[in-house]
Amino acid sequence: MLAKRIIACLDVKDGVVVKGRQFENLVYGGDPVELAQKYCDSCIDELVFLDITASLESRRTMIHVVKKVAEKTNIPFTVGGGIRDIETASELIYAGADKVSINTAAVENPKLIEKIASKFGSQAVVVAVDAKRTQLGFEVFILSGKKATGIKLEDWLRNVQELGAGEILLTSIDKDGTKEGFDLELISLARKVLKIPLIASGGAGTKQHFLEAFKAGADAALGASVFHFGLIDVQDLKRYLSQNKINVRLDCWEVE
C-alpha cells in the first residue's frame, strides 16, 4: 500500500507566502524559499506553490522562486497559478518543478491537460479543483474561487481524469482557512469518482482532521497556516497518524 502523504501549501503573492480564509483577507506567512527549506528539514512529503496573483510580474517571480527552491531543497514540489499554455508549464518544469497544477485554465481549455500529459507524462499534471456547496450540490469555481462555472464536481472530475490528469488537488472553499476540519463529504464524493490520487485541501486545524481526511479516502492531505505558524508539527503529525494505523513515511527524503 502506498504511503499517505502530508503536503504543505505555500500561496505566493508578489514573491512572499500569504494565507487567508475562504480565499480572502490575506496575511503574510513568510519567505517561500526559507519555508521550503524548513519543510525539507521537517520531513514533509511534498510542497505545493500556488501563485495566486498570476500576473506577468508574479509569473517572473515564481520562476525565480522555483529555481531557488530546486537548488536548495530535495522535496518534490508542484507549482501552479496562471499556467495557461504548454510553454509556461514547460518553463516551470525545466526550472525545477516536479509537477504543474492547473485550475482555471483547465476549465477554459481542457485540452491543456492532454498537452501537458502528452509532453511530460500524467504524473506531472495536477488539476486543482476549487469546489463550493451550491444548488448544484458541489460546484466547481475558478479565478481563485470568485467565479462559478455551473459545472458539477463529479462531472468535472470524470472529465479531467479521462483527459490525462495524474492527480487531483481538491480544495473546499467552504472550509478554506477555517481550521474546522476537511470537508469529509466532499472527499468521499470525489473518492467514489476518481481512480487517480486525491489531495484533500481546505480546513486543516488539528492532527485528527488529517486522520479523518485519510479515512474518508484522501491519498494526501494538505495544510498551510497550521504548518506555517507552527500549530502542527509535521513529525508529530506523522507519528500520530502512524499510531492510528495510517501508513505514512516517517523518515525524511535523502539528500543527494
C-alpha atoms as a PDB file:
ATOM      1  CA  MET A   1       0.000   0.000   0.000  1.00  0.00           C
ATOM      2  CA  LEU A   2       1.334   3.424  -0.941  1.00  0.00           C
ATOM      3  CA  ALA A   3       2.112   5.743   1.958  1.00  0.00           C
ATOM      4  CA  LYS A   4      -0.280   8.613   2.574  1.00  0.00           C
ATOM      5  CA  ARG A   5       1.345  11.992   2.002  1.00  0.00           C
ATOM      6  CA  ILE A   6       1.468  15.196   4.026  1.00  0.00           C
ATOM      7  CA  ILE A   7       1.779  18.275   1.834  1.00  0.00           C
ATOM      8  CA  ALA A   8       2.475  21.886   2.763  1.00  0.00           C
ATOM      9  CA  CYS A   9       0.905  24.550   0.554  1.00  0.00           C
ATOM     10  CA  LEU A  10       2.531  27.913   0.016  1.00  0.00           C
ATOM     11  CA  ASP A  11       0.236  30.516  -1.537  1.00  0.00           C
ATOM     12  CA  VAL A  12       2.621  33.044  -3.079  1.00  0.00           C
ATOM     13  CA  LYS A  13       1.711  36.659  -3.881  1.00  0.00           C
ATOM     14  CA  ASP A  14       4.330  39.110  -5.106  1.00  0.00           C
ATOM     15  CA  GLY A  15       7.089  36.718  -4.110  1.00  0.00           C
ATOM     16  CA  VAL A  16       6.012  36.101  -0.495  1.00  0.00           C
ATOM     17  CA  VAL A  17       3.814  33.487   1.164  1.00  0.00           C
ATOM     18  CA  VAL A  18       0.350  34.622   2.252  1.00  0.00           C
ATOM     19  CA  LYS A  19      -2.645  32.908   3.828  1.00  0.00           C
ATOM     20  CA  GLY A  20      -6.299  33.836   4.149  1.00  0.00           C
ATOM     21  CA  ARG A  21      -9.734  32.453   4.965  1.00  0.00           C
ATOM     22  CA  GLN A  22     -12.092  31.301   2.210  1.00  0.00           C
ATOM     23  CA  PHE A  23      -9.673  32.879  -0.293  1.00  0.00           C
ATOM     24  CA  GLU A  24      -9.937  36.355   1.306  1.00  0.00           C
ATOM     25  CA  ASN A  25      -8.189  38.560   3.946  1.00  0.00           C
ATOM     26  CA  LEU A  26      -4.621  37.542   3.158  1.00  0.00           C
ATOM     27  CA  VAL A  27      -1.868  37.823   5.779  1.00  0.00           C
ATOM     28  CA  TYR A  28       1.912  37.463   5.438  1.00  0.00           C
ATOM     29  CA  GLY A  29       3.197  33.933   6.006  1.00  0.00           C
ATOM     30  CA  GLY A  30       6.924  34.084   5.246  1.00  0.00           C
ATOM     31  CA  ASP A  31       9.601  33.751   2.590  1.00  0.00           C
ATOM     32  CA  PRO A  32       8.851  30.839   0.225  1.00  0.00           C
ATOM     33  CA  VAL A  33      12.425  29.596  -0.088  1.00  0.00           C
ATOM     34  CA  GLU A  34      13.043  29.755   3.672  1.00  0.00           C
ATOM     35  CA  LEU A  35       9.776  27.913   4.317  1.00  0.00           C
ATOM     36  CA  ALA A  36      10.643  25.296   1.712  1.00  0.00           C
ATOM     37  CA  GLN A  37      13.947  24.636   3.467  1.00  0.00           C
ATOM     38  CA  LYS A  38      12.160  24.445   6.812  1.00  0.00           C
ATOM     39  CA  TYR A  39       9.722  21.858   5.457  1.00  0.00           C
ATOM     40  CA  CYS A  40      12.547  19.879   3.928  1.00  0.00           C
ATOM     41  CA  ASP A  41      14.070  19.591   7.418  1.00  0.00           C
ATOM     42  CA  SER A  42      10.693  18.690   8.943  1.00  0.00           C
ATOM     43  CA  CYS A  43      10.253  15.594   6.724  1.00  0.00           C
ATOM     44  CA  ILE A  44       7.241  16.927   4.848  1.00  0.00           C
ATOM     45  CA  ASP A  45       6.459  14.712   1.861  1.00  0.00           C
ATOM     46  CA  GLU A  46       5.768  17.361  -0.768  1.00  0.00           C
ATOM     47  CA  LEU A  47       5.277  21.080  -1.335  1.00  0.00           C
ATOM     48  CA  VAL A  48       2.739  22.939  -3.434  1.00  0.00           C
ATOM     49  CA  PHE A  49       3.413  26.516  -4.558  1.00  0.00           C
ATOM     50  CA  LEU A  50       0.428  28.463  -5.877  1.00  0.00           C
ATOM     51  CA  ASP A  51       0.967  31.856  -7.491  1.00  0.00           C
ATOM     52  CA  ILE A  52      -2.351  33.366  -6.506  1.00  0.00           C
ATOM     53  CA  THR A  53      -1.902  36.658  -8.387  1.00  0.00           C
ATOM     54  CA  ALA A  54      -0.807  35.054 -11.675  1.00  0.00           C
ATOM     55  CA  SER A  55       0.114  38.370 -13.264  1.00  0.00           C
ATOM     56  CA  LEU A  56       3.085  38.619 -15.613  1.00  0.00           C
ATOM     57  CA  GLU A  57       5.233  40.145 -12.882  1.00  0.00           C
ATOM     58  CA  SER A  58       4.305  37.436 -10.408  1.00  0.00           C
ATOM     59  CA  ARG A  59       4.965  34.754 -13.001  1.00  0.00           C
ATOM     60  CA  ARG A  60       8.538  36.009 -13.359  1.00  0.00           C
ATOM     61  CA  THR A  61       8.876  35.983  -9.587  1.00  0.00           C
ATOM     62  CA  MET A  62       7.562  32.426  -9.429  1.00  0.00           C
ATOM     63  CA  ILE A  63      10.090  31.185 -11.987  1.00  0.00           C
ATOM     64  CA  HIS A  64      12.818  32.710  -9.823  1.00  0.00           C
ATOM     65  CA  VAL A  65      11.346  31.065  -6.720  1.00  0.00           C
ATOM     66  CA  VAL A  66      11.103  27.674  -8.430  1.00  0.00           C
ATOM     67  CA  LYS A  67      14.768  27.795  -9.401  1.00  0.00           C
ATOM     68  CA  LYS A  68      15.823  28.738  -5.857  1.00  0.00           C
ATOM     69  CA  VAL A  69      13.699  26.034  -4.242  1.00  0.00           C
ATOM     70  CA  ALA A  70      15.017  23.420  -6.675  1.00  0.00           C
ATOM     71  CA  GLU A  71      18.583  24.436  -5.783  1.00  0.00           C
ATOM     72  CA  LYS A  72      18.123  24.402  -2.013  1.00  0.00           C
ATOM     73  CA  THR A  73      15.719  21.543  -1.269  1.00  0.00           C
ATOM     74  CA  ASN A  74      15.175  17.926  -2.241  1.00  0.00           C
ATOM     75  CA  ILE A  75      11.391  17.821  -1.697  1.00  0.00           C
ATOM     76  CA  PRO A  76       9.138  17.028  -4.666  1.00  0.00           C
ATOM     77  CA  PHE A  77       7.105  20.136  -5.420  1.00  0.00           C
ATOM     78  CA  THR A  78       4.218  21.286  -7.551  1.00  0.00           C
ATOM     79  CA  VAL A  79       3.785  24.782  -8.957  1.00  0.00           C
ATOM     80  CA  GLY A  80       0.515  26.341 -10.078  1.00  0.00           C
ATOM     81  CA  GLY A  81      -1.203  29.617 -10.799  1.00  0.00           C
ATOM     82  CA  GLY A  82      -1.558  31.372 -14.127  1.00  0.00           C
ATOM     83  CA  ILE A  83      -0.441  28.402 -16.241  1.00  0.00           C
ATOM     84  CA  ARG A  84      -2.466  28.838 -19.412  1.00  0.00           C
ATOM     85  CA  ASP A  85      -0.293  27.192 -22.062  1.00  0.00           C
ATOM     86  CA  ILE A  86       2.194  24.398 -22.608  1.00  0.00           C
ATOM     87  CA  GLU A  87       5.056  26.908 -22.865  1.00  0.00           C
ATOM     88  CA  THR A  88       4.561  28.187 -19.303  1.00  0.00           C
ATOM     89  CA  ALA A  89       4.140  24.660 -17.965  1.00  0.00           C
ATOM     90  CA  SER A  90       7.360  23.637 -19.701  1.00  0.00           C
ATOM     91  CA  GLU A  91       9.239  26.659 -18.351  1.00  0.00           C
ATOM     92  CA  LEU A  92       8.264  25.791 -14.772  1.00  0.00           C
ATOM     93  CA  ILE A  93       9.191  22.117 -15.118  1.00  0.00           C
ATOM     94  CA  TYR A  94      12.513  22.982 -16.736  1.00  0.00           C
ATOM     95  CA  ALA A  95      13.114  25.439 -13.867  1.00  0.00           C
ATOM     96  CA  GLY A  96      12.849  22.552 -11.399  1.00  0.00           C
ATOM     97  CA  ALA A  97       9.189  21.897 -10.598  1.00  0.00           C
ATOM     98  CA  ASP A  98       8.262  18.205 -10.448  1.00  0.00           C
ATOM     99  CA  LYS A  99       4.615  18.839 -11.347  1.00  0.00           C
ATOM    100  CA  VAL A 100       2.451  21.704 -12.527  1.00  0.00           C
ATOM    101  CA  SER A 101      -1.026  22.468 -11.270  1.00  0.00           C
ATOM    102  CA  ILE A 102      -3.717  23.962 -13.487  1.00  0.00           C
ATOM    103  CA  ASN A 103      -7.133  25.162 -12.389  1.00  0.00           C
ATOM    104  CA  THR A 104      -8.865  27.994 -14.253  1.00  0.00           C
ATOM    105  CA  ALA A 105      -7.018  27.187 -17.483  1.00  0.00           C
ATOM    106  CA  ALA A 106      -8.117  23.557 -17.280  1.00  0.00           C
ATOM    107  CA  VAL A 107     -11.767  24.613 -17.217  1.00  0.00           C
ATOM    108  CA  GLU A 108     -11.340  27.163 -20.000  1.00  0.00           C
ATOM    109  CA  ASN A 109      -9.134  24.899 -22.136  1.00  0.00           C
ATOM    110  CA  PRO A 110      -9.410  21.223 -21.098  1.00  0.00           C
ATOM    111  CA  LYS A 111      -7.107  20.197 -23.967  1.00  0.00           C
ATOM    112  CA  LEU A 112      -4.240  21.744 -21.988  1.00  0.00           C
ATOM    113  CA  ILE A 113      -4.415  18.740 -19.646  1.00  0.00           C
ATOM    114  CA  GLU A 114      -3.823  16.420 -22.586  1.00  0.00           C
ATOM    115  CA  LYS A 115      -0.973  18.560 -23.936  1.00  0.00           C
ATOM    116  CA  ILE A 116       0.973  18.622 -20.670  1.00  0.00           C
ATOM    117  CA  ALA A 117       0.361  14.924 -20.014  1.00  0.00           C
ATOM    118  CA  SER A 118       1.500  14.057 -23.528  1.00  0.00           C
ATOM    119  CA  LYS A 119       4.741  16.005 -23.158  1.00  0.00           C
ATOM    120  CA  PHE A 120       5.702  15.247 -19.548  1.00  0.00           C
ATOM    121  CA  GLY A 121       3.501  12.308 -18.510  1.00  0.00           C
ATOM    122  CA  SER A 122       0.316  12.232 -16.440  1.00  0.00           C
ATOM    123  CA  GLN A 123       2.347  12.197 -13.217  1.00  0.00           C
ATOM    124  CA  ALA A 124       3.393  15.795 -13.971  1.00  0.00           C
ATOM    125  CA  VAL A 125      -0.196  17.091 -14.275  1.00  0.00           C
ATOM    126  CA  VAL A 126      -2.131  18.086 -11.162  1.00  0.00           C
ATOM    127  CA  VAL A 127      -5.589  19.503 -11.776  1.00  0.00           C
ATOM    128  CA  ALA A 128      -6.592  21.792  -8.922  1.00  0.00           C
ATOM    129  CA  VAL A 129     -10.329  21.927  -8.300  1.00  0.00           C
ATOM    130  CA  ASP A 130     -11.965  24.512  -6.048  1.00  0.00           C
ATOM    131  CA  ALA A 131     -15.446  23.408  -5.007  1.00  0.00           C
ATOM    132  CA  LYS A 132     -18.264  25.004  -3.030  1.00  0.00           C
ATOM    133  CA  ARG A 133     -21.732  23.942  -1.959  1.00  0.00           C
ATOM    134  CA  THR A 134     -24.437  25.480  -4.158  1.00  0.00           C
ATOM    135  CA  GLN A 135     -27.830  24.449  -5.521  1.00  0.00           C
ATOM    136  CA  LEU A 136     -25.934  22.079  -7.839  1.00  0.00           C
ATOM    137  CA  GLY A 137     -24.517  20.171  -4.878  1.00  0.00           C
ATOM    138  CA  PHE A 138     -20.771  20.744  -5.106  1.00  0.00           C
ATOM    139  CA  GLU A 139     -19.992  23.242  -7.861  1.00  0.00           C
ATOM    140  CA  VAL A 140     -16.614  23.970  -9.462  1.00  0.00           C
ATOM    141  CA  PHE A 141     -15.315  27.545  -9.122  1.00  0.00           C
ATOM    142  CA  ILE A 142     -12.451  29.260 -10.950  1.00  0.00           C
ATOM    143  CA  LEU A 143     -10.473  32.524 -10.744  1.00  0.00           C
ATOM    144  CA  SER A 144      -9.368  31.935  -7.126  1.00  0.00           C
ATOM    145  CA  GLY A 145     -12.861  30.852  -6.110  1.00  0.00           C
ATOM    146  CA  LYS A 146     -14.568  34.005  -7.360  1.00  0.00           C
ATOM    147  CA  LYS A 147     -16.390  32.694 -10.446  1.00  0.00           C
ATOM    148  CA  ALA A 148     -18.959  29.911 -10.509  1.00  0.00           C
ATOM    149  CA  THR A 149     -18.767  27.639 -13.551  1.00  0.00           C
ATOM    150  CA  GLY A 150     -22.108  25.849 -13.424  1.00  0.00           C
ATOM    151  CA  ILE A 151     -20.177  22.557 -13.549  1.00  0.00           C
ATOM    152  CA  LYS A 152     -20.969  19.789 -11.095  1.00  0.00           C
ATOM    153  CA  LEU A 153     -17.917  18.472  -9.294  1.00  0.00           C
ATOM    154  CA  GLU A 154     -18.498  14.832 -10.243  1.00  0.00           C
ATOM    155  CA  ASP A 155     -18.786  15.647 -13.948  1.00  0.00           C
ATOM    156  CA  TRP A 156     -15.592  17.684 -13.928  1.00  0.00           C
ATOM    157  CA  LEU A 157     -13.600  15.046 -12.051  1.00  0.00           C
ATOM    158  CA  ARG A 158     -14.600  12.361 -14.551  1.00  0.00           C
ATOM    159  CA  ASN A 159     -13.656  14.654 -17.419  1.00  0.00           C
ATOM    160  CA  VAL A 160     -10.183  15.615 -16.209  1.00  0.00           C
ATOM    161  CA  GLN A 161      -9.398  12.030 -15.288  1.00  0.00           C
ATOM    162  CA  GLU A 162     -10.188  10.935 -18.843  1.00  0.00           C
ATOM    163  CA  LEU A 163      -8.085  13.771 -20.261  1.00  0.00           C
ATOM    164  CA  GLY A 164      -4.959  12.517 -18.514  1.00  0.00           C
ATOM    165  CA  ALA A 165      -4.705  14.253 -15.151  1.00  0.00           C
ATOM    166  CA  GLY A 166      -2.370  12.369 -12.833  1.00  0.00           C
ATOM    167  CA  GLU A 167      -3.707  13.778  -9.578  1.00  0.00           C
ATOM    168  CA  ILE A 168      -6.471  15.998  -8.208  1.00  0.00           C
ATOM    169  CA  LEU A 169      -5.897  18.780  -5.679  1.00  0.00           C
ATOM    170  CA  LEU A 170      -9.390  19.303  -4.270  1.00  0.00           C
ATOM    171  CA  THR A 171      -9.990  22.395  -2.149  1.00  0.00           C
ATOM    172  CA  SER A 172     -13.165  23.087  -0.201  1.00  0.00           C
ATOM    173  CA  ILE A 173     -13.836  26.822  -0.472  1.00  0.00           C
ATOM    174  CA  ASP A 174     -16.334  26.488   2.387  1.00  0.00           C
ATOM    175  CA  LYS A 175     -13.647  25.088   4.683  1.00  0.00           C
ATOM    176  CA  ASP A 176     -10.599  27.019   3.474  1.00  0.00           C
ATOM    177  CA  GLY A 177      -8.728  28.664   6.349  1.00  0.00           C
ATOM    178  CA  THR A 178     -11.378  27.797   8.945  1.00  0.00           C
ATOM    179  CA  LYS A 179      -9.300  25.153  10.783  1.00  0.00           C
ATOM    180  CA  GLU A 180     -12.619  23.351  11.400  1.00  0.00           C
ATOM    181  CA  GLY A 181     -11.639  20.187   9.560  1.00  0.00           C
ATOM    182  CA  PHE A 182     -11.614  18.954   5.979  1.00  0.00           C
ATOM    183  CA  ASP A 183     -14.914  18.587   4.131  1.00  0.00           C
ATOM    184  CA  LEU A 184     -15.324  14.833   4.538  1.00  0.00           C
ATOM    185  CA  GLU A 185     -18.461  14.673   2.394  1.00  0.00           C
ATOM    186  CA  LEU A 186     -16.557  16.361  -0.443  1.00  0.00           C
ATOM    187  CA  ILE A 187     -13.611  13.965  -0.110  1.00  0.00           C
ATOM    188  CA  SER A 188     -15.854  10.892  -0.019  1.00  0.00           C
ATOM    189  CA  LEU A 189     -17.768  12.024  -3.094  1.00  0.00           C
ATOM    190  CA  ALA A 190     -14.567  12.635  -5.054  1.00  0.00           C
ATOM    191  CA  ARG A 191     -13.118   9.295  -3.980  1.00  0.00           C
ATOM    192  CA  LYS A 192     -16.099   7.439  -5.446  1.00  0.00           C
ATOM    193  CA  VAL A 193     -15.478   9.072  -8.832  1.00  0.00           C
ATOM    194  CA  LEU A 194     -11.674   9.033  -9.018  1.00  0.00           C
ATOM    195  CA  LYS A 195      -9.213   6.282  -9.792  1.00  0.00           C
ATOM    196  CA  ILE A 196      -6.236   8.670  -9.617  1.00  0.00           C
ATOM    197  CA  PRO A 197      -4.719  10.094  -6.395  1.00  0.00           C
ATOM    198  CA  LEU A 198      -6.683  12.695  -4.452  1.00  0.00           C
ATOM    199  CA  ILE A 199      -5.166  15.509  -2.387  1.00  0.00           C
ATOM    200  CA  ALA A 200      -7.568  16.965   0.195  1.00  0.00           C
ATOM    201  CA  SER A 201      -7.267  20.682   0.926  1.00  0.00           C
ATOM    202  CA  GLY A 202      -9.128  23.250   2.998  1.00  0.00           C
ATOM    203  CA  GLY A 203      -9.888  23.223   6.709  1.00  0.00           C
ATOM    204  CA  ALA A 204      -6.938  21.530   8.423  1.00  0.00           C
ATOM    205  CA  GLY A 205      -6.714  22.561  12.065  1.00  0.00           C
ATOM    206  CA  THR A 206      -5.753  19.520  14.140  1.00  0.00           C
ATOM    207  CA  LYS A 207      -3.960  16.195  13.737  1.00  0.00           C
ATOM    208  CA  GLN A 208      -7.317  14.449  13.965  1.00  0.00           C
ATOM    209  CA  HIS A 209      -8.523  16.364  10.912  1.00  0.00           C
ATOM    210  CA  PHE A 210      -5.762  14.771   8.837  1.00  0.00           C
ATOM    211  CA  LEU A 211      -6.683  11.344  10.163  1.00  0.00           C
ATOM    212  CA  GLU A 212     -10.322  11.914   9.200  1.00  0.00           C
ATOM    213  CA  ALA A 213      -9.353  13.037   5.699  1.00  0.00           C
ATOM    214  CA  PHE A 214      -7.356   9.869   5.087  1.00  0.00           C
ATOM    215  CA  LYS A 215     -10.155   7.683   6.412  1.00  0.00           C
ATOM    216  CA  ALA A 216     -12.573   9.491   4.069  1.00  0.00           C
ATOM    217  CA  GLY A 217     -10.465   8.488   1.073  1.00  0.00           C
ATOM    218  CA  ALA A 218      -7.725  11.079   0.548  1.00  0.00           C
ATOM    219  CA  ASP A 219      -4.329   9.888  -0.687  1.00  0.00           C
ATOM    220  CA  ALA A 220      -2.669  13.070   0.555  1.00  0.00           C
ATOM    221  CA  ALA A 221      -3.733  15.906   2.822  1.00  0.00           C
ATOM    222  CA  LEU A 222      -2.603  19.491   2.529  1.00  0.00           C
ATOM    223  CA  GLY A 223      -2.081  22.126   5.184  1.00  0.00           C
ATOM    224  CA  ALA A 224      -0.977  25.740   5.037  1.00  0.00           C
ATOM    225  CA  SER A 225      -1.271  28.048   8.055  1.00  0.00           C
ATOM    226  CA  VAL A 226      -1.255  25.133  10.533  1.00  0.00           C
ATOM    227  CA  PHE A 227       2.274  24.380   9.361  1.00  0.00           C
ATOM    228  CA  HIS A 228       3.486  27.931   8.575  1.00  0.00           C
ATOM    229  CA  PHE A 229       2.599  29.209  12.045  1.00  0.00           C
ATOM    230  CA  GLY A 230       3.660  26.110  13.972  1.00  0.00           C
ATOM    231  CA  LEU A 231       0.202  24.952  15.086  1.00  0.00           C
ATOM    232  CA  ILE A 232       1.011  21.394  13.982  1.00  0.00           C
ATOM    233  CA  ASP A 233       4.473  19.854  13.903  1.00  0.00           C
ATOM    234  CA  VAL A 234       4.899  17.680  10.815  1.00  0.00           C
ATOM    235  CA  GLN A 235       6.823  14.898  12.547  1.00  0.00           C
ATOM    236  CA  ASP A 236       4.358  14.828  15.460  1.00  0.00           C
ATOM    237  CA  LEU A 237       1.532  14.582  12.931  1.00  0.00           C
ATOM    238  CA  LYS A 238       3.164  11.668  11.160  1.00  0.00           C
ATOM    239  CA  ARG A 239       3.758   9.802  14.416  1.00  0.00           C
ATOM    240  CA  TYR A 240       0.114  10.381  15.383  1.00  0.00           C
ATOM    241  CA  LEU A 241      -1.096   9.053  12.029  1.00  0.00           C
ATOM    242  CA  SER A 242       1.187   6.033  12.231  1.00  0.00           C
ATOM    243  CA  GLN A 243      -0.123   5.247  15.723  1.00  0.00           C
ATOM    244  CA  ASN A 244      -3.617   5.350  14.229  1.00  0.00           C
ATOM    245  CA  LYS A 245      -2.723   2.793  11.546  1.00  0.00           C
ATOM    246  CA  ILE A 246      -2.250   5.220   8.665  1.00  0.00           C
ATOM    247  CA  ASN A 247       0.726   4.264   6.521  1.00  0.00           C
ATOM    248  CA  VAL A 248       2.963   7.350   6.357  1.00  0.00           C
ATOM    249  CA  ARG A 249       6.601   7.938   5.563  1.00  0.00           C
ATOM    250  CA  LEU A 250       8.362   8.625   8.896  1.00  0.00           C
ATOM    251  CA  ASP A 251      11.831   9.389   7.512  1.00  0.00           C
ATOM    252  CA  CYS A 252      12.975  12.411   5.536  1.00  0.00           C
ATOM    253  CA  TRP A 253      13.871  12.473   1.872  1.00  0.00           C
ATOM    254  CA  GLU A 254      17.523  11.552   1.441  1.00  0.00           C
ATOM    255  CA  VAL A 255      19.782  14.382   0.369  1.00  0.00           C
ATOM    256  CA  GLU A 256      21.516  13.561  -2.914  1.00  0.00           C
END
